[in-house]
Amino acid sequence: MQDQRSHSYPSGKSLLAALLIGLVLLLDAMAACPALHEFIHHDAGKANHQCAVTMFAHGKVDSATVEVPINIPTAVVEAAPPVEFSVFAAAIEYLPSGRAPPAVSSPQV
């Protein structure tokens, strides 16, 4: 039986991702538009004002760097030259008993 709630409500991870994207876009809009920033903070025009918008506007944003090593599996392929050999076999061995080779290939013509 399937859970009916999973189809009607977004999952927690996607809701959190949408909220964080919205927060970054709001900070970017407030950094680009000083009137919007002053609408939220009345003292935004002062020189000693510090908040997330001013830090975002001045590039004082820390982000984590992650180094992910890429392990490429090595495949060892050894190619040996094909060995060809030939074995002489008389055609008479491959015929059923009581049969002879065709008259065209026989030496008595």
PDB file of N, CA and C in Angstrom:
ATOM      1  N   MET A   1       0.843  -1.174   0.000  1.00  0.00           N
ATOM      2  CA  MET A   1       0.000   0.000   0.000  1.00  0.00           C
ATOM      3  C   MET A   1       0.890   1.240   0.000  1.00  0.00           C
ATOM      4  N   GLN A   2       0.628   2.170  -0.910  1.00  0.00           N
ATOM      5  CA  GLN A   2       1.445   3.365  -1.023  1.00  0.00           C
ATOM      6  C   GLN A   2       0.948   4.444  -0.089  1.00  0.00           C
ATOM      7  N   ASP A   3       1.880   5.255   0.341  1.00  0.00           N
ATOM      8  CA  ASP A   3       1.549   6.375   1.207  1.00  0.00           C
ATOM      9  C   ASP A   3       0.984   7.509   0.358  1.00  0.00           C
ATOM     10  N   GLN A   4      -0.228   7.936   0.625  1.00  0.00           N
ATOM     11  CA  GLN A   4      -0.875   8.984  -0.162  1.00  0.00           C
ATOM     12  C   GLN A   4      -0.287  10.354   0.117  1.00  0.00           C
ATOM     13  N   ARG A   5       0.317  10.569   1.290  1.00  0.00           N
ATOM     14  CA  ARG A   5       0.876  11.869   1.635  1.00  0.00           C
ATOM     15  C   ARG A   5       2.081  12.216   0.783  1.00  0.00           C
ATOM     16  N   SER A   6       2.844  11.221   0.358  1.00  0.00           N
ATOM     17  CA  SER A   6       4.069  11.508  -0.396  1.00  0.00           C
ATOM     18  C   SER A   6       3.776  12.149  -1.746  1.00  0.00           C
ATOM     19  N   HIS A   7       2.598  11.957  -2.286  1.00  0.00           N
ATOM     20  CA  HIS A   7       2.264  12.530  -3.586  1.00  0.00           C
ATOM     21  C   HIS A   7       1.654  13.913  -3.464  1.00  0.00           C
ATOM     22  N   SER A   8       1.085  14.256  -2.318  1.00  0.00           N
ATOM     23  CA  SER A   8       0.405  15.536  -2.191  1.00  0.00           C
ATOM     24  C   SER A   8       1.266  16.612  -1.533  1.00  0.00           C
ATOM     25  N   TYR A   9       2.225  16.266  -0.701  1.00  0.00           N
ATOM     26  CA  TYR A   9       3.073  17.229  -0.011  1.00  0.00           C
ATOM     27  C   TYR A   9       4.516  17.089  -0.485  1.00  0.00           C
ATOM     28  N   PRO A  10       5.216  18.214  -0.640  1.00  0.00           N
ATOM     29  CA  PRO A  10       6.631  18.093  -1.019  1.00  0.00           C
ATOM     30  C   PRO A  10       7.443  17.533   0.149  1.00  0.00           C
ATOM     31  N   SER A  11       8.507  16.883  -0.184  1.00  0.00           N
ATOM     32  CA  SER A  11       9.345  16.310   0.866  1.00  0.00           C
ATOM     33  C   SER A  11      10.069  17.417   1.619  1.00  0.00           C
ATOM     34  N   GLY A  12      10.585  17.096   2.778  1.00  0.00           N
ATOM     35  CA  GLY A  12      11.271  18.077   3.609  1.00  0.00           C
ATOM     36  C   GLY A  12      12.522  18.626   2.965  1.00  0.00           C
ATOM     37  N   LYS A  13      13.251  17.798   2.247  1.00  0.00           N
ATOM     38  CA  LYS A  13      14.483  18.246   1.605  1.00  0.00           C
ATOM     39  C   LYS A  13      14.205  19.260   0.495  1.00  0.00           C
ATOM     40  N   SER A  14      13.184  18.995  -0.300  1.00  0.00           N
ATOM     41  CA  SER A  14      12.897  19.931  -1.384  1.00  0.00           C
ATOM     42  C   SER A  14      12.319  21.234  -0.839  1.00  0.00           C
ATOM     43  N   LEU A  15      11.572  21.174   0.237  1.00  0.00           N
ATOM     44  CA  LEU A  15      11.049  22.388   0.867  1.00  0.00           C
ATOM     45  C   LEU A  15      12.195  23.214   1.451  1.00  0.00           C
ATOM     46  N   LEU A  16      13.140  22.570   2.119  1.00  0.00           N
ATOM     47  CA  LEU A  16      14.299  23.274   2.670  1.00  0.00           C
ATOM     48  C   LEU A  16      15.143  23.876   1.550  1.00  0.00           C
ATOM     49  N   ALA A  17      15.329  23.144   0.468  1.00  0.00           N
ATOM     50  CA  ALA A  17      16.105  23.669  -0.662  1.00  0.00           C
ATOM     51  C   ALA A  17      15.427  24.891  -1.262  1.00  0.00           C
ATOM     52  N   ALA A  18      14.111  24.854  -1.387  1.00  0.00           N
ATOM     53  CA  ALA A  18      13.386  26.005  -1.924  1.00  0.00           C
ATOM     54  C   ALA A  18      13.493  27.213  -1.002  1.00  0.00           C
ATOM     55  N   LEU A  19      13.430  26.984   0.312  1.00  0.00           N
ATOM     56  CA  LEU A  19      13.570  28.090   1.262  1.00  0.00           C
ATOM     57  C   LEU A  19      14.974  28.702   1.218  1.00  0.00           C
ATOM     58  N   LEU A  20      15.994  27.872   1.113  1.00  0.00           N
ATOM     59  CA  LEU A  20      17.365  28.388   1.057  1.00  0.00           C
ATOM     60  C   LEU A  20      17.629  29.140  -0.238  1.00  0.00           C
ATOM     61  N   ILE A  21      17.087  28.658  -1.340  1.00  0.00           N
ATOM     62  CA  ILE A  21      17.231  29.379  -2.612  1.00  0.00           C
ATOM     63  C   ILE A  21      16.523  30.719  -2.527  1.00  0.00           C
ATOM     64  N   GLY A  22      15.329  30.719  -1.926  1.00  0.00           N
ATOM     65  CA  GLY A  22      14.599  31.974  -1.737  1.00  0.00           C
ATOM     66  C   GLY A  22      15.348  32.953  -0.861  1.00  0.00           C
ATOM     67  N   LEU A  23      16.019  32.452   0.183  1.00  0.00           N
ATOM     68  CA  LEU A  23      16.795  33.311   1.079  1.00  0.00           C
ATOM     69  C   LEU A  23      17.970  33.950   0.344  1.00  0.00           C
ATOM     70  N   VAL A  24      18.679  33.182  -0.450  1.00  0.00           N
ATOM     71  CA  VAL A  24      19.816  33.720  -1.206  1.00  0.00           C
ATOM     72  C   VAL A  24      19.335  34.753  -2.222  1.00  0.00           C
ATOM     73  N   LEU A  25      18.221  34.477  -2.889  1.00  0.00           N
ATOM     74  CA  LEU A  25      17.693  35.441  -3.849  1.00  0.00           C
ATOM     75  C   LEU A  25      17.224  36.718  -3.159  1.00  0.00           C
ATOM     76  N   LEU A  26      16.628  36.598  -1.978  1.00  0.00           N
ATOM     77  CA  LEU A  26      16.210  37.782  -1.219  1.00  0.00           C
ATOM     78  C   LEU A  26      17.427  38.602  -0.784  1.00  0.00           C
ATOM     79  N   LEU A  27      18.469  37.937  -0.296  1.00  0.00           N
ATOM     80  CA  LEU A  27      19.692  38.650   0.085  1.00  0.00           C
ATOM     81  C   LEU A  27      20.312  39.350  -1.112  1.00  0.00           C
ATOM     82  N   ASP A  28      20.308  38.702  -2.253  1.00  0.00           N
ATOM     83  CA  ASP A  28      20.856  39.299  -3.470  1.00  0.00           C
ATOM     84  C   ASP A  28      20.026  40.512  -3.901  1.00  0.00           C
ATOM     85  N   ALA A  29      18.703  40.401  -3.816  1.00  0.00           N
ATOM     86  CA  ALA A  29      17.843  41.529  -4.186  1.00  0.00           C
ATOM     87  C   ALA A  29      18.021  42.696  -3.223  1.00  0.00           C
ATOM     88  N   MET A  30      18.165  42.409  -1.943  1.00  0.00           N
ATOM     89  CA  MET A  30      18.367  43.470  -0.957  1.00  0.00           C
ATOM     90  C   MET A  30      19.737  44.113  -1.107  1.00  0.00           C
ATOM     91  N   ALA A  31      20.737  43.343  -1.528  1.00  0.00           N
ATOM     92  CA  ALA A  31      22.067  43.908  -1.743  1.00  0.00           C
ATOM     93  C   ALA A  31      22.085  44.777  -3.000  1.00  0.00           C
ATOM     94  N   ALA A  32      21.282  44.419  -3.995  1.00  0.00           N
ATOM     95  CA  ALA A  32      21.257  45.182  -5.241  1.00  0.00           C
ATOM     96  C   ALA A  32      20.378  46.424  -5.134  1.00  0.00           C
ATOM     97  N   CYS A  33      19.381  46.402  -4.269  1.00  0.00           N
ATOM     98  CA  CYS A  33      18.435  47.514  -4.146  1.00  0.00           C
ATOM     99  C   CYS A  33      18.505  48.081  -2.725  1.00  0.00           C
ATOM    100  N   PRO A  34      19.212  49.179  -2.519  1.00  0.00           N
ATOM    101  CA  PRO A  34      19.336  49.740  -1.177  1.00  0.00           C
ATOM    102  C   PRO A  34      17.995  50.170  -0.577  1.00  0.00           C
ATOM    103  N   ALA A  35      17.027  50.560  -1.410  1.00  0.00           N
ATOM    104  CA  ALA A  35      15.716  50.950  -0.881  1.00  0.00           C
ATOM    105  C   ALA A  35      15.016  49.764  -0.227  1.00  0.00           C
ATOM    106  N   LEU A  36      15.158  48.578  -0.812  1.00  0.00           N
ATOM    107  CA  LEU A  36      14.583  47.373  -0.211  1.00  0.00           C
ATOM    108  C   LEU A  36      15.292  47.033   1.092  1.00  0.00           C
ATOM    109  N   HIS A  37      16.599  47.244   1.132  1.00  0.00           N
ATOM    110  CA  HIS A  37      17.362  46.984   2.348  1.00  0.00           C
ATOM    111  C   HIS A  37      16.965  47.966   3.452  1.00  0.00           C
ATOM    112  N   GLU A  38      16.777  49.231   3.097  1.00  0.00           N
ATOM    113  CA  GLU A  38      16.366  50.222   4.093  1.00  0.00           C
ATOM    114  C   GLU A  38      14.919  50.012   4.529  1.00  0.00           C
ATOM    115  N   PHE A  39      14.108  49.362   3.700  1.00  0.00           N
ATOM    116  CA  PHE A  39      12.737  49.040   4.094  1.00  0.00           C
ATOM    117  C   PHE A  39      12.739  48.010   5.218  1.00  0.00           C
ATOM    118  N   ILE A  40      13.679  47.088   5.182  1.00  0.00           N
ATOM    119  CA  ILE A  40      13.784  46.070   6.237  1.00  0.00           C
ATOM    120  C   ILE A  40      14.541  46.626   7.439  1.00  0.00           C
ATOM    121  N   HIS A  41      15.692  47.261   7.197  1.00  0.00           N
ATOM    122  CA  HIS A  41      16.518  47.853   8.249  1.00  0.00           C
ATOM    123  C   HIS A  41      16.494  49.368   8.064  1.00  0.00           C
ATOM    124  N   HIS A  42      16.000  50.094   9.059  1.00  0.00           N
ATOM    125  CA  HIS A  42      15.931  51.543   8.948  1.00  0.00           C
ATOM    126  C   HIS A  42      17.314  52.190   9.065  1.00  0.00           C
ATOM    127  N   ASP A  43      18.256  51.502   9.695  1.00  0.00           N
ATOM    128  CA  ASP A  43      19.610  52.049   9.839  1.00  0.00           C
ATOM    129  C   ASP A  43      20.573  51.458   8.798  1.00  0.00           C
ATOM    130  N   ALA A  44      20.061  51.022   7.672  1.00  0.00           N
ATOM    131  CA  ALA A  44      20.900  50.377   6.659  1.00  0.00           C
ATOM    132  C   ALA A  44      21.858  51.346   5.985  1.00  0.00           C
ATOM    133  N   GLY A  45      21.549  52.649   5.999  1.00  0.00           N
ATOM    134  CA  GLY A  45      22.412  53.626   5.353  1.00  0.00           C
ATOM    135  C   GLY A  45      23.616  54.034   6.180  1.00  0.00           C
ATOM    136  N   LYS A  46      23.681  53.631   7.427  1.00  0.00           N
ATOM    137  CA  LYS A  46      24.792  54.020   8.301  1.00  0.00           C
ATOM    138  C   LYS A  46      26.050  53.223   7.969  1.00  0.00           C
ATOM    139  N   ALA A  47      27.199  53.817   8.232  1.00  0.00           N
ATOM    140  CA  ALA A  47      28.485  53.191   7.894  1.00  0.00           C
ATOM    141  C   ALA A  47      28.782  51.983   8.772  1.00  0.00           C
ATOM    142  N   ASN A  48      28.337  51.968  10.025  1.00  0.00           N
ATOM    143  CA  ASN A  48      28.669  50.866  10.925  1.00  0.00           C
ATOM    144  C   ASN A  48      27.590  49.775  10.935  1.00  0.00           C
ATOM    145  N   HIS A  49      26.672  49.807   9.987  1.00  0.00           N
ATOM    146  CA  HIS A  49      25.610  48.804   9.925  1.00  0.00           C
ATOM    147  C   HIS A  49      26.170  47.480   9.415  1.00  0.00           C
ATOM    148  N   GLN A  50      25.955  46.420  10.143  1.00  0.00           N
ATOM    149  CA  GLN A  50      26.405  45.086   9.769  1.00  0.00           C
ATOM    150  C   GLN A  50      25.219  44.120   9.828  1.00  0.00           C
ATOM    151  N   CYS A  51      24.958  43.463   8.748  1.00  0.00           N
ATOM    152  CA  CYS A  51      23.945  42.407   8.713  1.00  0.00           C
ATOM    153  C   CYS A  51      24.296  41.453   7.572  1.00  0.00           C
ATOM    154  N   ALA A  52      23.452  40.458   7.366  1.00  0.00           N
ATOM    155  CA  ALA A  52      23.736  39.459   6.333  1.00  0.00           C
ATOM    156  C   ALA A  52      23.733  40.077   4.937  1.00  0.00           C
ATOM    157  N   VAL A  53      22.906  41.115   4.744  1.00  0.00           N
ATOM    158  CA  VAL A  53      22.833  41.749   3.423  1.00  0.00           C
ATOM    159  C   VAL A  53      24.132  42.484   3.108  1.00  0.00           C
ATOM    160  N   THR A  54      24.672  43.227   4.058  1.00  0.00           N
ATOM    161  CA  THR A  54      25.927  43.950   3.804  1.00  0.00           C
ATOM    162  C   THR A  54      27.094  42.981   3.630  1.00  0.00           C
ATOM    163  N   MET A  55      27.081  41.899   4.375  1.00  0.00           N
ATOM    164  CA  MET A  55      28.144  40.897   4.203  1.00  0.00           C
ATOM    165  C   MET A  55      28.028  40.226   2.840  1.00  0.00           C
ATOM    166  N   PHE A  56      26.799  39.958   2.412  1.00  0.00           N
ATOM    167  CA  PHE A  56      26.576  39.341   1.104  1.00  0.00           C
ATOM    168  C   PHE A  56      26.970  40.306  -0.009  1.00  0.00           C
ATOM    169  N   ALA A  57      26.686  41.591   0.176  1.00  0.00           N
ATOM    170  CA  ALA A  57      27.005  42.596  -0.834  1.00  0.00           C
ATOM    171  C   ALA A  57      28.508  42.811  -0.976  1.00  0.00           C
ATOM    172  N   HIS A  58      29.253  42.672   0.116  1.00  0.00           N
ATOM    173  CA  HIS A  58      30.703  42.876   0.072  1.00  0.00           C
ATOM    174  C   HIS A  58      31.478  41.583  -0.190  1.00  0.00           C
ATOM    175  N   GLY A  59      30.786  40.497  -0.433  1.00  0.00           N
ATOM    176  CA  GLY A  59      31.453  39.238  -0.764  1.00  0.00           C
ATOM    177  C   GLY A  59      32.046  38.534   0.429  1.00  0.00           C
ATOM    178  N   LYS A  60      31.573  38.831   1.609  1.00  0.00           N
ATOM    179  CA  LYS A  60      32.103  38.166   2.810  1.00  0.00           C
ATOM    180  C   LYS A  60      31.259  36.926   3.111  1.00  0.00           C
ATOM    181  N   VAL A  61      31.218  36.044   2.155  1.00  0.00           N
ATOM    182  CA  VAL A  61      30.432  34.832   2.285  1.00  0.00           C
ATOM    183  C   VAL A  61      31.395  33.656   2.245  1.00  0.00           C
ATOM    184  N   ASP A  62      31.337  32.831   3.252  1.00  0.00           N
ATOM    185  CA  ASP A  62      32.188  31.641   3.287  1.00  0.00           C
ATOM    186  C   ASP A  62      31.438  30.476   2.668  1.00  0.00           C
ATOM    187  N   SER A  63      32.155  29.727   1.903  1.00  0.00           N
ATOM    188  CA  SER A  63      31.576  28.515   1.340  1.00  0.00           C
ATOM    189  C   SER A  63      32.585  27.391   1.511  1.00  0.00           C
ATOM    190  N   ALA A  64      32.074  26.240   1.741  1.00  0.00           N
ATOM    191  CA  ALA A  64      32.934  25.079   1.937  1.00  0.00           C
ATOM    192  C   ALA A  64      33.407  24.555   0.596  1.00  0.00           C
ATOM    193  N   THR A  65      34.676  24.221   0.541  1.00  0.00           N
ATOM    194  CA  THR A  65      35.212  23.583  -0.656  1.00  0.00           C
ATOM    195  C   THR A  65      35.438  22.114  -0.356  1.00  0.00           C
ATOM    196  N   VAL A  66      35.062  21.314  -1.260  1.00  0.00           N
ATOM    197  CA  VAL A  66      35.183  19.874  -1.089  1.00  0.00           C
ATOM    198  C   VAL A  66      35.986  19.324  -2.259  1.00  0.00           C
ATOM    199  N   GLU A  67      37.014  18.602  -1.936  1.00  0.00           N
ATOM    200  CA  GLU A  67      37.806  17.956  -2.966  1.00  0.00           C
ATOM    201  C   GLU A  67      37.422  16.489  -3.009  1.00  0.00           C
ATOM    202  N   VAL A  68      36.886  16.094  -4.118  1.00  0.00           N
ATOM    203  CA  VAL A  68      36.451  14.720  -4.287  1.00  0.00           C
ATOM    204  C   VAL A  68      37.430  14.023  -5.223  1.00  0.00           C
ATOM    205  N   PRO A  69      38.170  13.059  -4.703  1.00  0.00           N
ATOM    206  CA  PRO A  69      39.100  12.353  -5.588  1.00  0.00           C
ATOM    207  C   PRO A  69      38.329  11.436  -6.530  1.00  0.00           C
ATOM    208  N   ILE A  70      38.772  11.414  -7.753  1.00  0.00           N
ATOM    209  CA  ILE A  70      38.139  10.551  -8.753  1.00  0.00           C
ATOM    210  C   ILE A  70      39.035   9.344  -8.958  1.00  0.00           C
ATOM    211  N   ASN A  71      38.530   8.220  -8.603  1.00  0.00           N
ATOM    212  CA  ASN A  71      39.274   6.980  -8.773  1.00  0.00           C
ATOM    213  C   ASN A  71      38.806   6.305 -10.052  1.00  0.00           C
ATOM    214  N   ILE A  72      39.683   6.268 -11.015  1.00  0.00           N
ATOM    215  CA  ILE A  72      39.357   5.617 -12.279  1.00  0.00           C
ATOM    216  C   ILE A  72      39.936   4.206 -12.227  1.00  0.00           C
ATOM    217  N   PRO A  73      39.074   3.217 -12.317  1.00  0.00           N
ATOM    218  CA  PRO A  73      39.597   1.848 -12.267  1.00  0.00           C
ATOM    219  C   PRO A  73      40.431   1.546 -13.507  1.00  0.00           C
ATOM    220  N   THR A  74      41.529   0.902 -13.256  1.00  0.00           N
ATOM    221  CA  THR A  74      42.402   0.543 -14.373  1.00  0.00           C
ATOM    222  C   THR A  74      42.060  -0.866 -14.839  1.00  0.00           C
ATOM    223  N   ALA A  75      41.891  -1.002 -16.097  1.00  0.00           N
ATOM    224  CA  ALA A  75      41.579  -2.306 -16.674  1.00  0.00           C
ATOM    225  C   ALA A  75      42.821  -2.797 -17.407  1.00  0.00           C
ATOM    226  N   VAL A  76      43.270  -3.950 -17.019  1.00  0.00           N
ATOM    227  CA  VAL A  76      44.445  -4.539 -17.653  1.00  0.00           C
ATOM    228  C   VAL A  76      43.967  -5.451 -18.774  1.00  0.00           C
ATOM    229  N   VAL A  77      44.383  -5.123 -19.967  1.00  0.00           N
ATOM    230  CA  VAL A  77      44.001  -5.918 -21.127  1.00  0.00           C
ATOM    231  C   VAL A  77      45.268  -6.454 -21.760  1.00  0.00           C
ATOM    232  N   GLU A  78      45.359  -7.746 -21.829  1.00  0.00           N
ATOM    233  CA  GLU A  78      46.506  -8.382 -22.464  1.00  0.00           C
ATOM    234  C   GLU A  78      46.013  -9.051 -23.739  1.00  0.00           C
ATOM    235  N   ALA A  79      46.595  -8.670 -24.834  1.00  0.00           N
ATOM    236  CA  ALA A  79      46.213  -9.249 -26.115  1.00  0.00           C
ATOM    237  C   ALA A  79      47.352 -10.135 -26.613  1.00  0.00           C
ATOM    238  N   ALA A  80      47.101 -11.413 -26.655  1.00  0.00           N
ATOM    239  CA  ALA A  80      48.091 -12.351 -27.162  1.00  0.00           C
ATOM    240  C   ALA A  80      47.799 -12.571 -28.649  1.00  0.00           C
ATOM    241  N   PRO A  81      48.836 -12.688 -29.471  1.00  0.00           N
ATOM    242  CA  PRO A  81      48.586 -12.922 -30.896  1.00  0.00           C
ATOM    243  C   PRO A  81      47.894 -14.279 -31.080  1.00  0.00           C
ATOM    244  N   PRO A  82      46.973 -14.336 -32.006  1.00  0.00           N
ATOM    245  CA  PRO A  82      46.278 -15.625 -32.215  1.00  0.00           C
ATOM    246  C   PRO A  82      47.245 -16.683 -32.755  1.00  0.00           C
ATOM    247  N   VAL A  83      47.084 -17.859 -32.262  1.00  0.00           N
ATOM    248  CA  VAL A  83      47.930 -18.971 -32.687  1.00  0.00           C
ATOM    249  C   VAL A  83      47.175 -19.740 -33.771  1.00  0.00           C
ATOM    250  N   GLU A  84      47.787 -19.836 -34.939  1.00  0.00           N
ATOM    251  CA  GLU A  84      47.177 -20.556 -36.049  1.00  0.00           C
ATOM    252  C   GLU A  84      48.043 -21.763 -36.380  1.00  0.00           C
ATOM    253  N   PHE A  85      47.398 -22.858 -36.547  1.00  0.00           N
ATOM    254  CA  PHE A  85      48.116 -24.043 -36.982  1.00  0.00           C
ATOM    255  C   PHE A  85      47.189 -24.841 -37.884  1.00  0.00           C
ATOM    256  N   SER A  86      47.782 -25.613 -38.743  1.00  0.00           N
ATOM    257  CA  SER A  86      46.994 -26.432 -39.675  1.00  0.00           C
ATOM    258  C   SER A  86      47.438 -27.882 -39.547  1.00  0.00           C
ATOM    259  N   VAL A  87      46.485 -28.740 -39.660  1.00  0.00           N
ATOM    260  CA  VAL A  87      46.744 -30.174 -39.557  1.00  0.00           C
ATOM    261  C   VAL A  87      46.213 -30.819 -40.828  1.00  0.00           C
ATOM    262  N   PHE A  88      47.064 -31.607 -41.476  1.00  0.00           N
ATOM    263  CA  PHE A  88      46.636 -32.292 -42.685  1.00  0.00           C
ATOM    264  C   PHE A  88      45.778 -33.483 -42.300  1.00  0.00           C
ATOM    265  N   ALA A  89      44.598 -33.528 -42.914  1.00  0.00           N
ATOM    266  CA  ALA A  89      43.721 -34.677 -42.711  1.00  0.00           C
ATOM    267  C   ALA A  89      43.190 -35.079 -44.072  1.00  0.00           C
ATOM    268  N   ALA A  90      43.210 -36.344 -44.313  1.00  0.00           N
ATOM    269  CA  ALA A  90      42.699 -36.838 -45.595  1.00  0.00           C
ATOM    270  C   ALA A  90      41.192 -36.677 -45.617  1.00  0.00           C
ATOM    271  N   ALA A  91      40.646 -36.386 -46.798  1.00  0.00           N
ATOM    272  CA  ALA A  91      39.211 -36.166 -46.931  1.00  0.00           C
ATOM    273  C   ALA A  91      38.423 -37.442 -46.717  1.00  0.00           C
ATOM    274  N   ILE A  92      39.086 -38.575 -46.863  1.00  0.00           N
ATOM    275  CA  ILE A  92      38.381 -39.853 -46.734  1.00  0.00           C
ATOM    276  C   ILE A  92      37.909 -40.096 -45.306  1.00  0.00           C
ATOM    277  N   GLU A  93      38.571 -39.495 -44.340  1.00  0.00           N
ATOM    278  CA  GLU A  93      38.180 -39.704 -42.948  1.00  0.00           C
ATOM    279  C   GLU A  93      36.830 -39.072 -42.633  1.00  0.00           C
ATOM    280  N   TYR A  94      36.475 -38.025 -43.363  1.00  0.00           N
ATOM    281  CA  TYR A  94      35.251 -37.305 -43.052  1.00  0.00           C
ATOM    282  C   TYR A  94      34.034 -37.853 -43.791  1.00  0.00           C
ATOM    283  N   LEU A  95      34.246 -38.808 -44.683  1.00  0.00           N
ATOM    284  CA  LEU A  95      33.128 -39.371 -45.420  1.00  0.00           C
ATOM    285  C   LEU A  95      32.534 -40.548 -44.653  1.00  0.00           C
ATOM    286  N   PRO A  96      31.231 -40.754 -44.798  1.00  0.00           N
ATOM    287  CA  PRO A  96      30.640 -41.928 -44.142  1.00  0.00           C
ATOM    288  C   PRO A  96      31.184 -43.218 -44.770  1.00  0.00           C
ATOM    289  N   SER A  97      31.052 -44.310 -44.058  1.00  0.00           N
ATOM    290  CA  SER A  97      31.611 -45.563 -44.571  1.00  0.00           C
ATOM    291  C   SER A  97      30.866 -46.007 -45.826  1.00  0.00           C
ATOM    292  N   GLY A  98      31.602 -46.494 -46.770  1.00  0.00           N
ATOM    293  CA  GLY A  98      31.027 -46.959 -48.023  1.00  0.00           C
ATOM    294  C   GLY A  98      30.965 -45.882 -49.081  1.00  0.00           C
ATOM    295  N   ARG A  99      31.431 -44.689 -48.788  1.00  0.00           N
ATOM    296  CA  ARG A  99      31.390 -43.612 -49.769  1.00  0.00           C
ATOM    297  C   ARG A  99      32.809 -43.255 -50.160  1.00  0.00           C
ATOM    298  N   ALA A 100      32.990 -42.823 -51.377  1.00  0.00           N
ATOM    299  CA  ALA A 100      34.301 -42.410 -51.858  1.00  0.00           C
ATOM    300  C   ALA A 100      34.219 -40.949 -52.255  1.00  0.00           C
ATOM    301  N   PRO A 101      35.361 -40.312 -52.492  1.00  0.00           N
ATOM    302  CA  PRO A 101      35.335 -38.930 -52.938  1.00  0.00           C
ATOM    303  C   PRO A 101      34.683 -38.851 -54.326  1.00  0.00           C
ATOM    304  N   PRO A 102      34.232 -37.663 -54.690  1.00  0.00           N
ATOM    305  CA  PRO A 102      33.617 -37.518 -56.026  1.00  0.00           C
ATOM    306  C   PRO A 102      34.626 -37.864 -57.130  1.00  0.00           C
ATOM    307  N   ALA A 103      34.120 -38.226 -58.239  1.00  0.00           N
ATOM    308  CA  ALA A 103      34.959 -38.665 -59.355  1.00  0.00           C
ATOM    309  C   ALA A 103      35.804 -37.532 -59.900  1.00  0.00           C
ATOM    310  N   VAL A 104      35.396 -36.290 -59.731  1.00  0.00           N
ATOM    311  CA  VAL A 104      36.141 -35.174 -60.253  1.00  0.00           C
ATOM    312  C   VAL A 104      37.463 -35.011 -59.515  1.00  0.00           C
ATOM    313  N   SER A 105      37.442 -35.268 -58.200  1.00  0.00           N
ATOM    314  CA  SER A 105      38.654 -35.063 -57.430  1.00  0.00           C
ATOM    315  C   SER A 105      39.520 -36.301 -57.360  1.00  0.00           C
ATOM    316  N   SER A 106      39.061 -37.418 -57.898  1.00  0.00           N
ATOM    317  CA  SER A 106      39.893 -38.624 -57.827  1.00  0.00           C
ATOM    318  C   SER A 106      40.984 -38.567 -58.895  1.00  0.00           C
ATOM    319  N   PRO A 107      42.186 -39.114 -58.649  1.00  0.00           N
ATOM    320  CA  PRO A 107      43.295 -39.020 -59.598  1.00  0.00           C
ATOM    321  C   PRO A 107      43.113 -39.894 -60.834  1.00  0.00           C
ATOM    322  N   GLN A 108      42.196 -40.851 -60.876  1.00  0.00           N
ATOM    323  CA  GLN A 108      42.026 -41.709 -62.027  1.00  0.00           C
ATOM    324  C   GLN A 108      40.921 -41.158 -62.943  1.00  0.00           C
ATOM    325  N   VAL A 109      41.282 -40.428 -63.935  1.00  0.00           N
ATOM    326  CA  VAL A 109      40.305 -39.862 -64.869  1.00  0.00           C
ATOM    327  C   VAL A 109      40.601 -40.297 -66.261  1.00  0.00           C
TER     328      VAL A 109
END
